[in-house]
Structure formats: C-alpha cells, structure tokens
Amino acid sequence: MLGRSKNLIIQVIDFFYFPVFHRYISVQTFRYAACGGGNAVFNLLMFYVGNNYIFTEEVIAVGAFSMTRYIAAFVFALLFSFPVGFVLNKFVVFQQSHLKGRVQLFRYAMITIFSVVANYGLLHFFAGYCGFWATPSQALTTVILSITSYFAQMYFSFRTKKTNISVN
C-alpha cells in the first residue's frame, strides 16, 4: 500500500514539475516544496480542527501542565503533521538516503524541534523587535526556515553517501 501511495504522490507532483519547473529547479527541490507545502496545509487544517472543535476551553490542563488553547492545537497538529512530513521526506523527496530509518527519524525530529524553537524566536524578532506586522513576519520566518530545513534534511537527516569517481 505504501509503495502504491508513494508512486501516486510522485506521479502527481512530477506531472506539475515537468511542464514548467524542470528548467528552473531540481526535481528533488520541487518535490520538497510540494510535499512541504501540502504538509503545511495539512498542519494548518489540523490546527484549525484542534483550535475550533477539540480544545474549547481557553486554558487546557494536561496533568501538572497547562497551556492555552492555541498551543494545545499546535501540539495536536504537530502530532499529525510530524509523521506525515517524515514519511513524505523519506519516501518521496529523499529516497536515496543510506541512513537507517530510525536515524533519519531521530534527525528529522531534531530539525523539527529546532524549527519550532527558531520559528518562535524569529517571529518574536521580526514582529516584536523589528516592529513588522505579525503575518508578514511569519511568512518571512517560514521562507527562512523552509530553506534552512531543506538543506538540513538533505545533508543531515536524509544524507546520501558520496561516491568516489576517479578520473583517468
């Protein structure tokens, strides 16, 4: 089932890649943008569901911890978008990686945690310190972190072996 789903996703993405974008960016970069964009929309949808239908109180108590409704919705959405993002990156975008799945998952989690913390910091920097509006600040933060994450995933989480080519 995973193989058929993977192939269908790749076919749909590549359908849009080859007519226009193949001249400008690599197929891997396009697949990363398509999978990441799709997962971002999925995350936003899950956030909306969590914030509007699941967490109805303003403060949510979880054991000894409490959090605001929107933070609970953020965590809820991340519980869904994290595994979807990992699977898309592993099986659609970075298929050539030689690393074991558990290593990829651990590294992917580290980069996700970094991105969450960096998103928080950059948003506060742009909106709070620089005085930019919140939505453009988040958009700029998303662009910065998307580019950073792409290279981190390519060279760290889903790294491939370098091949030695000898020239005679």
Protein backbone atom coordinates (compact mmCIF):
# COMPACT_ATOMS: atom_id res chain seq x y z
CA MET A 1 0.00 0.00 0.00
CA LEU A 2 2.81 2.41 0.89
CA GLY A 3 4.51 1.71 -2.44
CA ARG A 4 1.37 2.49 -4.44
CA SER A 5 0.68 5.64 -2.43
CA LYS A 6 4.28 6.78 -2.83
CA ASN A 7 4.18 6.21 -6.58
CA LEU A 8 0.88 8.07 -6.93
CA ILE A 9 2.18 11.05 -4.97
CA ILE A 10 5.35 11.14 -7.07
CA GLN A 11 3.35 10.92 -10.30
CA VAL A 12 1.08 13.80 -9.28
CA ILE A 13 4.00 16.00 -8.21
CA ASP A 14 6.03 15.19 -11.31
CA PHE A 15 3.01 15.93 -13.52
CA PHE A 16 3.28 19.57 -12.43
CA TYR A 17 7.08 19.59 -12.36
CA PHE A 18 7.96 18.65 -15.92
CA PRO A 19 5.91 21.11 -18.00
CA VAL A 20 7.26 24.26 -16.34
CA PHE A 21 9.54 23.89 -13.35
CA HIS A 22 12.14 21.39 -14.61
CA ARG A 23 14.06 24.22 -16.25
CA TYR A 24 14.44 26.16 -13.02
CA ILE A 25 14.81 23.78 -10.06
CA SER A 26 15.75 20.17 -9.44
CA VAL A 27 13.06 17.53 -9.12
CA GLN A 28 14.12 16.92 -5.51
CA THR A 29 13.69 20.59 -4.61
CA PHE A 30 10.30 20.68 -6.31
CA ARG A 31 9.18 17.52 -4.52
CA TYR A 32 10.37 19.00 -1.22
CA ALA A 33 8.38 22.19 -1.86
CA ALA A 34 5.27 20.25 -2.91
CA CYS A 35 5.41 17.81 0.00
CA GLY A 36 6.28 20.54 2.49
CA GLY A 37 3.56 22.82 1.18
CA GLY A 38 1.00 20.04 1.29
CA ASN A 39 2.04 19.09 4.80
CA ALA A 40 1.89 22.74 5.89
CA VAL A 41 -1.71 22.95 4.64
CA PHE A 42 -2.49 19.67 6.42
CA ASN A 43 -0.92 21.07 9.62
CA LEU A 44 -3.00 24.23 9.34
CA LEU A 45 -6.16 22.18 8.84
CA MET A 46 -5.38 20.05 11.91
CA PHE A 47 -4.63 23.22 13.90
CA TYR A 48 -7.99 24.64 12.86
CA VAL A 49 -9.81 21.46 13.90
CA GLY A 50 -7.99 21.33 17.22
CA ASN A 51 -8.44 25.01 18.00
CA ASN A 52 -12.10 25.23 16.99
CA TYR A 53 -13.58 21.81 17.73
CA ILE A 54 -11.41 19.82 20.14
CA PHE A 55 -9.99 22.33 22.59
CA THR A 56 -12.90 24.51 23.61
CA GLU A 57 -11.59 25.95 26.89
CA GLU A 58 -9.13 28.85 26.84
CA VAL A 59 -6.70 27.01 29.13
CA ILE A 60 -6.12 23.28 28.71
CA ALA A 61 -4.80 21.31 31.69
CA VAL A 62 -2.73 18.23 30.93
CA GLY A 63 -1.60 16.65 34.18
CA ALA A 64 0.55 19.17 36.04
CA PHE A 65 0.89 21.35 32.93
CA SER A 66 -1.48 23.85 31.45
CA MET A 67 -1.43 25.54 28.08
CA THR A 68 -3.52 27.90 26.04
CA ARG A 69 -5.98 26.55 23.56
CA TYR A 70 -3.90 27.57 20.56
CA ILE A 71 -0.75 25.92 21.96
CA ALA A 72 -2.74 22.72 22.54
CA ALA A 73 -3.97 22.95 18.95
CA PHE A 74 -0.38 23.47 17.78
CA VAL A 75 0.76 20.32 19.61
CA PHE A 76 -2.26 18.41 18.31
CA ALA A 77 -1.49 19.43 14.71
CA LEU A 78 2.18 18.55 15.13
CA LEU A 79 1.21 15.03 16.26
CA PHE A 80 -0.27 14.51 12.79
CA SER A 81 1.94 16.60 10.52
CA PHE A 82 5.25 15.35 12.00
CA PRO A 83 4.82 11.70 10.92
CA VAL A 84 3.27 12.70 7.59
CA GLY A 85 6.17 15.06 6.90
CA PHE A 86 8.72 12.40 7.82
CA VAL A 87 7.12 9.76 5.58
CA LEU A 88 6.88 12.18 2.64
CA ASN A 89 10.50 13.24 3.04
CA LYS A 90 11.77 9.68 3.46
CA PHE A 91 9.82 8.03 0.65
CA VAL A 92 9.11 10.83 -1.83
CA VAL A 93 11.78 13.52 -1.54
CA PHE A 94 14.97 11.90 -0.22
CA GLN A 95 14.68 8.32 -1.47
CA GLN A 96 18.43 7.79 -1.98
CA SER A 97 19.48 8.13 1.67
CA HIS A 98 21.69 5.34 3.01
CA LEU A 99 20.86 6.03 6.66
CA LYS A 100 18.68 3.69 8.69
CA GLY A 101 15.08 4.77 9.25
CA ARG A 102 15.46 5.25 13.00
CA VAL A 103 18.48 7.52 12.45
CA GLN A 104 16.54 9.52 9.86
CA LEU A 105 13.57 9.80 12.23
CA PHE A 106 15.75 10.99 15.13
CA ARG A 107 17.50 13.57 12.95
CA TYR A 108 14.21 14.69 11.43
CA ALA A 109 12.82 15.17 14.95
CA MET A 110 15.88 17.23 15.95
CA ILE A 111 15.43 19.52 12.95
CA THR A 112 11.70 19.82 13.65
CA ILE A 113 12.39 20.83 17.25
CA PHE A 114 14.98 23.34 16.04
CA SER A 115 12.45 24.74 13.54
CA VAL A 116 9.76 25.13 16.19
CA VAL A 117 12.16 27.00 18.51
CA ALA A 118 13.58 29.07 15.64
CA ASN A 119 10.08 29.92 14.43
CA TYR A 120 9.23 31.22 17.89
CA GLY A 121 12.45 33.26 18.10
CA LEU A 122 12.32 34.66 14.58
CA LEU A 123 8.67 35.60 14.90
CA HIS A 124 9.43 37.50 18.10
CA PHE A 125 12.44 39.11 16.45
CA PHE A 126 10.62 40.29 13.32
CA ALA A 127 7.29 41.20 14.94
CA GLY A 128 8.44 42.23 18.41
CA TYR A 129 11.91 43.70 17.97
CA CYS A 130 11.77 44.96 14.37
CA GLY A 131 8.12 46.01 14.58
CA PHE A 132 6.97 44.21 11.41
CA TRP A 133 3.37 43.07 11.18
CA ALA A 134 2.81 39.55 12.51
CA THR A 135 1.62 37.89 9.29
CA PRO A 136 4.49 39.12 7.07
CA SER A 137 6.86 38.24 9.92
CA GLN A 138 5.53 34.69 9.98
CA ALA A 139 5.73 34.48 6.18
CA LEU A 140 9.38 35.61 6.21
CA THR A 141 10.12 33.17 9.03
CA THR A 142 8.51 30.35 7.05
CA VAL A 143 10.64 31.12 3.99
CA ILE A 144 13.85 31.24 6.04
CA LEU A 145 13.07 28.01 7.89
CA SER A 146 11.92 26.19 4.75
CA ILE A 147 15.22 26.88 3.03
CA THR A 148 17.20 26.01 6.15
CA SER A 149 15.20 22.82 6.69
CA TYR A 150 15.67 21.70 3.09
CA PHE A 151 19.45 21.79 3.39
CA ALA A 152 19.38 20.29 6.90
CA GLN A 153 17.21 17.42 5.70
CA MET A 154 19.30 16.87 2.56
CA TYR A 155 22.72 16.96 4.24
CA PHE A 156 21.84 15.65 7.71
CA SER A 157 18.57 13.73 8.15
CA PHE A 158 18.47 12.01 4.75
CA ARG A 159 22.14 12.21 3.78
CA THR A 160 23.42 10.08 0.93
CA LYS A 161 26.86 8.55 0.57
CA LYS A 162 29.33 10.42 -1.58
CA THR A 163 30.55 8.38 -4.48
CA ASN A 164 34.19 8.44 -5.38
CA ILE A 165 34.64 8.97 -9.07
CA SER A 166 38.13 8.55 -10.34
CA VAL A 167 39.13 10.36 -13.47
CA ASN A 168 41.86 8.73 -15.53
